[in-house]
Amino acid sequence: MTLGPNVSLEQTLQARLQERKDQSLYRLRMTTKGPQKPLLHVRGRDYLSFTSNDYLGLANHPLLIEAMQNAASEYGVGSGASHLVCGHSAAHDELEQALAKLTGRPKALLFGSGYMANIGIISALLDKSDAVFEDRLNHASLLDGGLLSGARFQRYQHNDVLDLQRRLQKTQARNKLVVTDAVFSMDGDQAPLPQLADVCTQQDAWLMLDDAHGIGVLGLQGGGTALAAGLSVDQAPIYMGTLGKALGCYGAFVAGSETLIDALLQFSRSYIYTTAVPPAVAVAALTAVQLLRQESWRQTHLQQLITAFRAAALDMGLPLMDSYTAIQPLLIGDADKAMKVSQALRDVGILVTAIRPPTVPVNSARLRITLTAAHTQVQVEQLLATLGKLQQSGLLTRAL
């Protein structure tokens, strides 16, 4: 895209947008009505949806709805201020304690979103004298956090512990932070956490985990991947999780030592300079944490669906990626073709999102199928049957 001098803002943006459209990378919002559930209402039609991150089906749980309604009557709607002014309520405090207990960490700190947590954590811990090492497939919020921190920034090969070790050995930085998604949001695979922790211990580096897609689903009673891998606070000192996926609410948190939480409270700009999450949302999230213990069948049912889907998809020869989590991507490659497959599914009433660059690397567009505990076996079989028909038509090719 080349434009001459004295081009208006409108002309510049229109040219950039047209370039996106020409590359089949243009994005559109889908406006839904009603709650998040497997049957999603869009423009007068119900679709069987495999697009949500509501992994445990809690976003529409009657107890969460009731808790939020009652809390709104008690606390009102807005929190009114930042946590450090007068916006930190007893509801926030109770939720932080529950999240610390859930994840096996001494303390926790609430953030407004996972994005705000990641940029706030990394920027608070590092400056230009330090170095940050990130997995190549990390979420955008982690990458942005590393870049915004001013630290020397390196990306190591995906899940390649040896590549990370070589990079750590070469650096002369004052402090070294290794950052990884615990479950990768677009591939669904998991980071090799014990090996990463060992390398960080050997190289005197700090390990930060983003468990947005693991908290609530993996680990004892949904306590997350650090617990599942048996990592102590010393081995994985910085643990971030979100409340808007498996926990069905909104917001995020970081859990760790008392010293870490105190430091973030003092130095994390995205925590200090923003209004606190509404207390009613915190009460709903606390209810979700409690339900992890009371309704453990949700994790069991979800795992059964994952196992059944993978077995059938592999037997059919679908281009399934190597994931054993709720994220089950089908690798298409070409962005335009991924859009066509997604549209073909939508034409018969099934929603599956086509993920394209720049969210994923070039030539790795995929259908991002997400399974939830709210799905039934029959619904998963319906998806598989439809994918089989698209395969027979030649639109969806078999795995190589």
Protein backbone atom coordinates (compact mmCIF):
# COMPACT_ATOMS: atom_id res chain seq x y z
CA MET A 1 0.00 0.00 0.00
CA THR A 2 1.63 3.23 -1.22
CA LEU A 3 -0.04 6.62 -0.92
CA GLY A 4 1.33 10.01 -1.92
CA PRO A 5 1.84 13.08 0.30
CA ASN A 6 -0.99 15.16 1.79
CA VAL A 7 -3.35 12.19 2.04
CA SER A 8 -6.30 12.64 4.38
CA LEU A 9 -6.96 10.44 7.39
CA GLU A 10 -10.06 9.01 5.67
CA GLN A 11 -8.10 8.07 2.54
CA THR A 12 -5.30 6.49 4.56
CA LEU A 13 -7.65 4.38 6.67
CA GLN A 14 -9.82 3.38 3.72
CA ALA A 15 -6.75 2.09 1.88
CA ARG A 16 -5.65 0.08 4.90
CA LEU A 17 -9.12 -1.38 5.35
CA GLN A 18 -9.36 -2.32 1.68
CA GLU A 19 -6.03 -4.11 1.95
CA ARG A 20 -7.42 -6.18 4.81
CA LYS A 21 -10.49 -7.05 2.73
CA ASP A 22 -8.39 -8.05 -0.29
CA GLN A 23 -6.38 -10.44 1.91
CA SER A 24 -9.51 -12.03 3.47
CA LEU A 25 -8.38 -10.63 6.83
CA TYR A 26 -11.20 -8.11 7.41
CA ARG A 27 -12.99 -8.60 10.72
CA LEU A 28 -16.69 -8.18 11.50
CA ARG A 29 -18.52 -8.21 14.81
CA MET A 30 -21.38 -10.62 15.39
CA THR A 31 -24.19 -9.16 17.49
CA THR A 32 -25.92 -11.72 19.67
CA LYS A 33 -29.06 -11.60 21.79
CA GLY A 34 -29.61 -13.43 25.06
CA PRO A 35 -27.12 -15.27 27.27
CA GLN A 36 -24.00 -17.18 26.32
CA LYS A 37 -25.01 -20.80 25.81
CA PRO A 38 -24.53 -23.50 23.14
CA LEU A 39 -27.56 -22.22 21.20
CA LEU A 40 -26.64 -18.63 20.41
CA HIS A 41 -29.24 -16.23 18.99
CA VAL A 42 -27.93 -14.11 16.12
CA ARG A 43 -30.15 -11.96 13.87
CA GLY A 44 -33.32 -13.93 14.39
CA ARG A 45 -31.76 -17.38 14.17
CA ASP A 46 -30.41 -19.86 16.70
CA TYR A 47 -26.97 -21.27 15.95
CA LEU A 48 -25.16 -24.17 17.59
CA SER A 49 -22.08 -22.33 18.80
CA PHE A 50 -18.58 -23.72 19.24
CA THR A 51 -16.97 -20.29 19.60
CA SER A 52 -17.23 -19.37 23.29
CA ASN A 53 -14.53 -19.45 25.98
CA ASP A 54 -17.22 -20.15 28.61
CA TYR A 55 -15.56 -23.54 29.12
CA LEU A 56 -17.58 -24.64 32.14
CA GLY A 57 -20.90 -23.15 31.06
CA LEU A 58 -21.01 -20.82 34.07
CA ALA A 59 -21.73 -17.52 32.28
CA ASN A 60 -25.46 -18.22 32.41
CA HIS A 61 -25.53 -20.17 35.69
CA PRO A 62 -28.58 -19.25 37.80
CA LEU A 63 -26.51 -18.97 40.99
CA LEU A 64 -24.11 -16.49 39.37
CA ILE A 65 -27.04 -14.45 38.09
CA GLU A 66 -28.68 -14.44 41.51
CA ALA A 67 -25.42 -13.53 43.25
CA MET A 68 -24.82 -10.61 40.90
CA GLN A 69 -28.38 -9.32 41.26
CA ASN A 70 -28.25 -9.46 45.05
CA ALA A 71 -24.82 -7.84 45.15
CA ALA A 72 -26.00 -5.01 42.88
CA SER A 73 -28.77 -4.32 45.38
CA GLU A 74 -26.20 -4.21 48.19
CA TYR A 75 -23.28 -2.41 46.50
CA GLY A 76 -24.91 -0.60 43.60
CA VAL A 77 -23.60 -0.82 40.05
CA GLY A 78 -20.25 0.97 39.76
CA SER A 79 -17.34 0.70 42.17
CA GLY A 80 -16.92 4.48 42.01
CA ALA A 81 -13.14 4.72 42.09
CA SER A 82 -9.85 2.88 41.76
CA HIS A 83 -8.87 0.26 44.32
CA LEU A 84 -6.41 2.65 45.98
CA VAL A 85 -8.91 5.47 46.41
CA CYS A 86 -12.24 4.11 47.68
CA GLY A 87 -13.22 1.48 45.10
CA HIS A 88 -11.90 -1.60 46.90
CA SER A 89 -14.87 -3.29 48.56
CA ALA A 90 -15.26 -6.24 50.89
CA ALA A 91 -16.45 -8.19 47.82
CA HIS A 92 -13.14 -7.58 46.05
CA ASP A 93 -11.21 -8.55 49.14
CA GLU A 94 -13.11 -11.81 49.62
CA LEU A 95 -12.65 -12.76 45.97
CA GLU A 96 -8.89 -12.14 46.13
CA GLN A 97 -8.62 -14.42 49.17
CA ALA A 98 -10.63 -17.14 47.41
CA LEU A 99 -8.48 -16.93 44.27
CA ALA A 100 -5.29 -17.18 46.30
CA LYS A 101 -6.61 -20.30 48.01
CA LEU A 102 -7.83 -21.80 44.73
CA THR A 103 -4.42 -21.43 43.08
CA GLY A 104 -2.36 -22.38 46.14
CA ARG A 105 -0.69 -18.98 46.38
CA PRO A 106 -0.38 -16.71 49.44
CA LYS A 107 -2.12 -13.67 47.91
CA ALA A 108 -3.96 -12.46 44.81
CA LEU A 109 -4.68 -9.08 43.21
CA LEU A 110 -7.64 -8.25 40.95
CA PHE A 111 -7.27 -6.48 37.61
CA GLY A 112 -9.88 -5.11 35.23
CA SER A 113 -9.01 -7.54 32.43
CA GLY A 114 -6.40 -10.03 31.36
CA TYR A 115 -4.89 -7.47 28.99
CA MET A 116 -4.57 -4.89 31.77
CA ALA A 117 -3.09 -7.51 34.08
CA ASN A 118 -0.41 -8.60 31.64
CA ILE A 119 0.79 -5.15 30.62
CA GLY A 120 0.65 -4.02 34.26
CA ILE A 121 2.54 -6.98 35.70
CA ILE A 122 5.42 -7.02 33.21
CA SER A 123 5.87 -3.24 33.17
CA ALA A 124 5.92 -3.13 36.97
CA LEU A 125 8.64 -5.79 37.22
CA LEU A 126 11.05 -4.78 34.43
CA ASP A 127 12.79 -1.79 32.90
CA LYS A 128 15.50 -1.19 30.29
CA SER A 129 18.16 -2.87 32.44
CA ASP A 130 16.24 -6.17 32.33
CA ALA A 131 15.30 -8.77 29.72
CA VAL A 132 12.05 -10.55 28.92
CA PHE A 133 11.81 -13.84 27.02
CA GLU A 134 8.47 -14.80 25.49
CA ASP A 135 7.14 -17.82 23.62
CA ARG A 136 6.55 -16.98 19.95
CA LEU A 137 2.87 -17.94 20.23
CA ASN A 138 2.13 -15.89 23.36
CA HIS A 139 -1.07 -13.89 23.50
CA ALA A 140 -0.89 -10.31 22.20
CA SER A 141 -1.32 -8.89 25.70
CA LEU A 142 1.85 -10.66 26.87
CA LEU A 143 3.80 -9.49 23.84
CA ASP A 144 2.59 -5.93 24.31
CA GLY A 145 3.43 -6.07 28.00
CA GLY A 146 6.98 -7.12 27.18
CA LEU A 147 7.43 -4.40 24.58
CA LEU A 148 5.90 -1.66 26.74
CA SER A 149 8.12 -2.54 29.68
CA GLY A 150 11.21 -1.22 27.86
CA ALA A 151 13.13 -4.38 28.73
CA ARG A 152 15.24 -6.14 26.13
CA PHE A 153 12.70 -8.32 24.35
CA GLN A 154 13.29 -11.77 22.84
CA ARG A 155 10.89 -14.43 21.53
CA TYR A 156 11.97 -18.05 21.77
CA GLN A 157 10.70 -20.86 19.55
CA HIS A 158 7.33 -22.25 20.57
CA ASN A 159 7.65 -24.57 23.59
CA ASP A 160 11.38 -24.97 22.82
CA VAL A 161 13.08 -25.16 26.20
CA LEU A 162 16.56 -25.55 24.70
CA ASP A 163 16.16 -22.40 22.62
CA LEU A 164 15.06 -20.53 25.73
CA GLN A 165 18.01 -21.89 27.71
CA ARG A 166 20.49 -20.73 25.06
CA ARG A 167 19.01 -17.25 25.06
CA LEU A 168 19.05 -17.01 28.85
CA GLN A 169 22.68 -18.09 28.98
CA LYS A 170 23.71 -15.31 26.58
CA THR A 171 22.01 -12.36 28.24
CA GLN A 172 23.81 -9.90 30.48
CA ALA A 173 20.58 -8.39 31.75
CA ARG A 174 20.12 -7.50 35.41
CA ASN A 175 16.85 -9.44 35.80
CA LYS A 176 15.38 -12.08 33.48
CA LEU A 177 11.66 -12.77 33.11
CA VAL A 178 10.32 -15.74 31.14
CA VAL A 179 6.70 -15.35 30.07
CA THR A 180 4.43 -18.01 28.58
CA ASP A 181 0.83 -18.88 28.04
CA ALA A 182 0.11 -22.02 30.03
CA VAL A 183 -2.54 -23.04 27.49
CA PHE A 184 -2.10 -21.37 24.11
CA SER A 185 -5.28 -19.65 23.05
CA MET A 186 -5.16 -20.37 19.32
CA ASP A 187 -3.41 -23.77 19.27
CA GLY A 188 -4.83 -25.24 22.48
CA ASP A 189 -1.57 -26.95 23.40
CA GLN A 190 0.13 -26.55 26.77
CA ALA A 191 3.51 -25.16 27.73
CA PRO A 192 6.05 -27.63 29.19
CA LEU A 193 5.81 -26.04 32.62
CA PRO A 194 8.09 -28.32 34.70
CA GLN A 195 10.89 -28.01 32.12
CA LEU A 196 10.46 -24.25 31.88
CA ALA A 197 10.56 -23.98 35.66
CA ASP A 198 13.77 -26.03 35.79
CA VAL A 199 15.50 -23.83 33.21
CA CYS A 200 14.40 -20.68 35.02
CA THR A 201 15.78 -22.03 38.29
CA GLN A 202 19.10 -22.92 36.64
CA GLN A 203 19.42 -19.52 34.95
CA ASP A 204 18.13 -17.37 37.85
CA ALA A 205 15.12 -16.24 35.82
CA TRP A 206 11.58 -15.52 36.97
CA LEU A 207 8.70 -17.49 35.42
CA MET A 208 5.34 -15.86 34.64
CA LEU A 209 2.35 -17.98 33.57
CA ASP A 210 -0.74 -16.70 31.80
CA ASP A 211 -3.37 -19.33 32.62
CA ALA A 212 -6.36 -17.60 31.04
CA HIS A 213 -7.44 -20.84 29.35
CA GLY A 214 -6.45 -23.23 32.13
CA ILE A 215 -7.85 -21.74 35.34
CA GLY A 216 -11.11 -23.40 36.30
CA VAL A 217 -10.60 -26.27 33.85
CA LEU A 218 -7.27 -27.86 34.73
CA GLY A 219 -5.74 -28.76 38.08
CA LEU A 220 -7.34 -29.91 41.32
CA GLN A 221 -10.81 -28.32 41.61
CA GLY A 222 -9.94 -26.07 38.68
CA GLY A 223 -6.93 -24.54 40.42
CA GLY A 224 -5.03 -24.22 37.14
CA THR A 225 -1.99 -25.51 35.33
CA ALA A 226 0.60 -24.54 37.94
CA LEU A 227 -1.14 -26.78 40.46
CA ALA A 228 -1.59 -29.51 37.85
CA ALA A 229 2.15 -29.41 37.14
CA GLY A 230 3.02 -29.34 40.85
CA LEU A 231 4.84 -26.00 40.61
CA SER A 232 5.45 -24.14 43.86
CA VAL A 233 5.36 -20.36 44.28
CA ASP A 234 9.16 -20.34 44.04
CA GLN A 235 9.10 -22.27 40.76
CA ALA A 236 6.29 -20.21 39.18
CA PRO A 237 6.26 -16.97 41.17
CA ILE A 238 3.93 -14.99 38.87
CA TYR A 239 0.59 -16.62 38.05
CA MET A 240 -2.07 -14.76 36.08
CA GLY A 241 -5.60 -16.01 35.45
CA THR A 242 -8.80 -14.55 34.03
CA LEU A 243 -12.37 -14.53 35.32
CA GLY A 244 -14.09 -14.12 31.96
CA LYS A 245 -13.57 -17.58 30.48
CA ALA A 246 -14.10 -20.76 32.54
CA LEU A 247 -15.34 -18.72 35.52
CA GLY A 248 -18.01 -17.07 33.40
CA CYS A 249 -17.57 -13.51 34.70
CA TYR A 250 -15.20 -10.64 33.93
CA GLY A 251 -11.79 -9.44 35.05
CA ALA A 252 -8.46 -11.05 35.89
CA PHE A 253 -6.02 -11.59 38.73
CA VAL A 254 -2.42 -12.30 39.54
CA ALA A 255 -1.47 -14.65 42.37
CA GLY A 256 1.88 -15.02 44.10
CA SER A 257 3.82 -14.16 47.22
CA GLU A 258 2.83 -11.34 49.56
CA THR A 259 5.88 -9.40 48.37
CA LEU A 260 4.90 -9.73 44.70
CA ILE A 261 1.32 -8.59 45.32
CA ASP A 262 2.46 -5.66 47.45
CA ALA A 263 4.91 -4.60 44.73
CA LEU A 264 2.25 -4.76 42.01
CA LEU A 265 -0.15 -2.79 44.16
CA GLN A 266 2.52 -0.08 44.44
CA PHE A 267 3.97 -0.10 40.91
CA SER A 268 1.46 -1.55 38.41
CA ARG A 269 0.03 1.43 36.52
CA SER A 270 -2.84 -0.51 34.94
CA TYR A 271 -3.96 -1.48 38.46
CA ILE A 272 -3.43 1.87 40.16
CA TYR A 273 -4.90 4.21 37.57
CA THR A 274 -8.22 2.60 36.69
CA THR A 275 -11.63 2.12 38.25
CA ALA A 276 -12.14 -1.15 40.10
CA VAL A 277 -14.34 -3.88 38.64
CA PRO A 278 -17.95 -3.48 39.92
CA PRO A 279 -18.39 -5.26 43.27
CA ALA A 280 -21.37 -7.22 41.92
CA VAL A 281 -19.08 -8.78 39.30
CA ALA A 282 -16.65 -9.76 42.06
CA VAL A 283 -19.45 -11.45 44.01
CA ALA A 284 -20.50 -13.40 40.91
CA ALA A 285 -16.90 -14.48 40.35
CA LEU A 286 -16.63 -15.60 43.97
CA THR A 287 -19.74 -17.73 43.42
CA ALA A 288 -18.09 -19.27 40.36
CA VAL A 289 -14.99 -20.17 42.40
CA GLN A 290 -17.22 -21.86 44.98
CA LEU A 291 -19.02 -23.80 42.23
CA LEU A 292 -15.73 -25.32 41.09
CA ARG A 293 -15.87 -27.48 44.21
CA GLN A 294 -19.63 -28.06 44.27
CA GLU A 295 -20.11 -28.94 40.60
CA SER A 296 -16.92 -30.77 39.67
CA TRP A 297 -18.91 -32.79 37.13
CA ARG A 298 -18.42 -29.89 34.73
CA GLN A 299 -14.69 -30.51 34.36
CA THR A 300 -15.32 -34.25 34.01
CA HIS A 301 -17.99 -33.81 31.34
CA LEU A 302 -15.84 -31.34 29.40
CA GLN A 303 -12.90 -33.74 29.39
CA GLN A 304 -15.17 -36.54 28.12
CA LEU A 305 -16.33 -34.33 25.24
CA ILE A 306 -12.72 -33.42 24.38
CA THR A 307 -11.68 -37.07 24.31
CA ALA A 308 -14.67 -38.13 22.20
CA PHE A 309 -14.26 -35.26 19.75
CA ARG A 310 -10.57 -35.91 19.22
CA ALA A 311 -11.05 -39.64 18.71
CA ALA A 312 -13.75 -39.10 16.08
CA ALA A 313 -11.95 -36.22 14.33
CA LEU A 314 -8.70 -38.17 14.06
CA ASP A 315 -10.58 -41.23 12.77
CA MET A 316 -12.16 -39.01 10.08
CA GLY A 317 -8.77 -37.61 9.11
CA LEU A 318 -9.69 -34.03 9.95
CA PRO A 319 -6.70 -31.60 10.12
CA LEU A 320 -6.77 -31.56 13.92
CA MET A 321 -4.00 -29.75 15.78
CA ASP A 322 -2.20 -31.30 18.75
CA SER A 323 -4.38 -30.09 21.61
CA TYR A 324 -5.92 -31.92 24.56
CA THR A 325 -7.71 -28.90 26.00
CA ALA A 326 -11.12 -27.36 25.29
CA ILE A 327 -9.56 -25.54 22.31
CA GLN A 328 -9.64 -27.90 19.31
CA PRO A 329 -8.40 -26.12 16.17
CA LEU A 330 -8.63 -27.50 12.64
CA LEU A 331 -5.68 -26.23 10.60
CA ILE A 332 -6.82 -24.89 7.21
CA GLY A 333 -3.84 -22.76 6.17
CA ASP A 334 -5.27 -20.32 3.64
CA ALA A 335 -7.26 -17.46 5.19
CA ASP A 336 -9.82 -17.27 2.38
CA LYS A 337 -10.48 -21.00 2.57
CA ALA A 338 -10.88 -20.84 6.35
CA MET A 339 -13.51 -18.14 5.88
CA LYS A 340 -15.35 -20.27 3.33
CA VAL A 341 -15.45 -23.30 5.63
CA SER A 342 -16.64 -21.13 8.53
CA GLN A 343 -19.39 -19.67 6.32
CA ALA A 344 -20.44 -23.13 5.12
CA LEU A 345 -20.88 -24.18 8.74
CA ARG A 346 -22.83 -21.02 9.48
CA ASP A 347 -25.12 -21.67 6.50
CA VAL A 348 -26.31 -24.87 8.21
CA GLY A 349 -26.62 -23.28 11.65
CA ILE A 350 -23.23 -23.95 13.28
CA LEU A 351 -20.88 -21.20 14.49
CA VAL A 352 -17.15 -21.86 14.38
CA THR A 353 -14.77 -18.90 14.14
CA ALA A 354 -12.15 -18.68 11.40
CA ILE A 355 -8.93 -17.39 12.98
CA ARG A 356 -6.62 -15.61 10.54
CA PRO A 357 -3.42 -13.54 10.56
CA PRO A 358 -2.30 -11.43 12.32
CA THR A 359 -3.84 -13.36 15.23
CA VAL A 360 -2.02 -16.48 13.99
CA PRO A 361 1.05 -16.76 11.71
CA VAL A 362 0.67 -16.42 7.94
CA ASN A 363 -0.58 -19.60 6.22
CA SER A 364 -1.86 -21.06 9.50
CA ALA A 365 -5.49 -19.92 9.45
CA ARG A 366 -7.69 -22.34 11.29
CA LEU A 367 -11.16 -23.10 12.58
CA ARG A 368 -11.02 -22.57 16.34
CA ILE A 369 -13.50 -25.04 17.82
CA THR A 370 -14.12 -24.62 21.54
CA LEU A 371 -15.95 -27.21 23.58
CA THR A 372 -17.74 -26.41 26.84
CA ALA A 373 -19.36 -28.30 29.67
CA ALA A 374 -22.68 -26.85 28.49
CA HIS A 375 -22.46 -28.85 25.23
CA THR A 376 -24.04 -32.28 24.98
CA GLN A 377 -22.58 -35.33 23.30
CA VAL A 378 -25.33 -35.10 20.68
CA GLN A 379 -24.32 -31.52 19.82
CA VAL A 380 -20.68 -32.53 19.40
CA GLU A 381 -21.77 -35.39 17.15
CA GLN A 382 -23.79 -32.91 15.09
CA LEU A 383 -20.67 -30.80 14.58
CA LEU A 384 -18.64 -33.84 13.57
CA ALA A 385 -21.31 -35.01 11.11
CA THR A 386 -21.38 -31.58 9.47
CA LEU A 387 -17.59 -31.44 9.24
CA GLY A 388 -17.74 -34.88 7.60
CA LYS A 389 -20.12 -33.56 4.94
CA LEU A 390 -17.84 -30.61 4.22
CA GLN A 391 -14.97 -33.05 3.95
CA GLN A 392 -16.89 -35.16 1.42
CA SER A 393 -17.69 -32.05 -0.60
CA GLY A 394 -13.97 -31.25 -0.89
CA LEU A 395 -14.25 -27.92 0.94
CA LEU A 396 -12.55 -29.29 4.07
CA THR A 397 -9.48 -31.32 3.14
CA ARG A 398 -8.12 -34.28 5.06
CA ALA A 399 -5.02 -34.05 7.22
CA LEU A 400 -1.72 -34.85 5.52
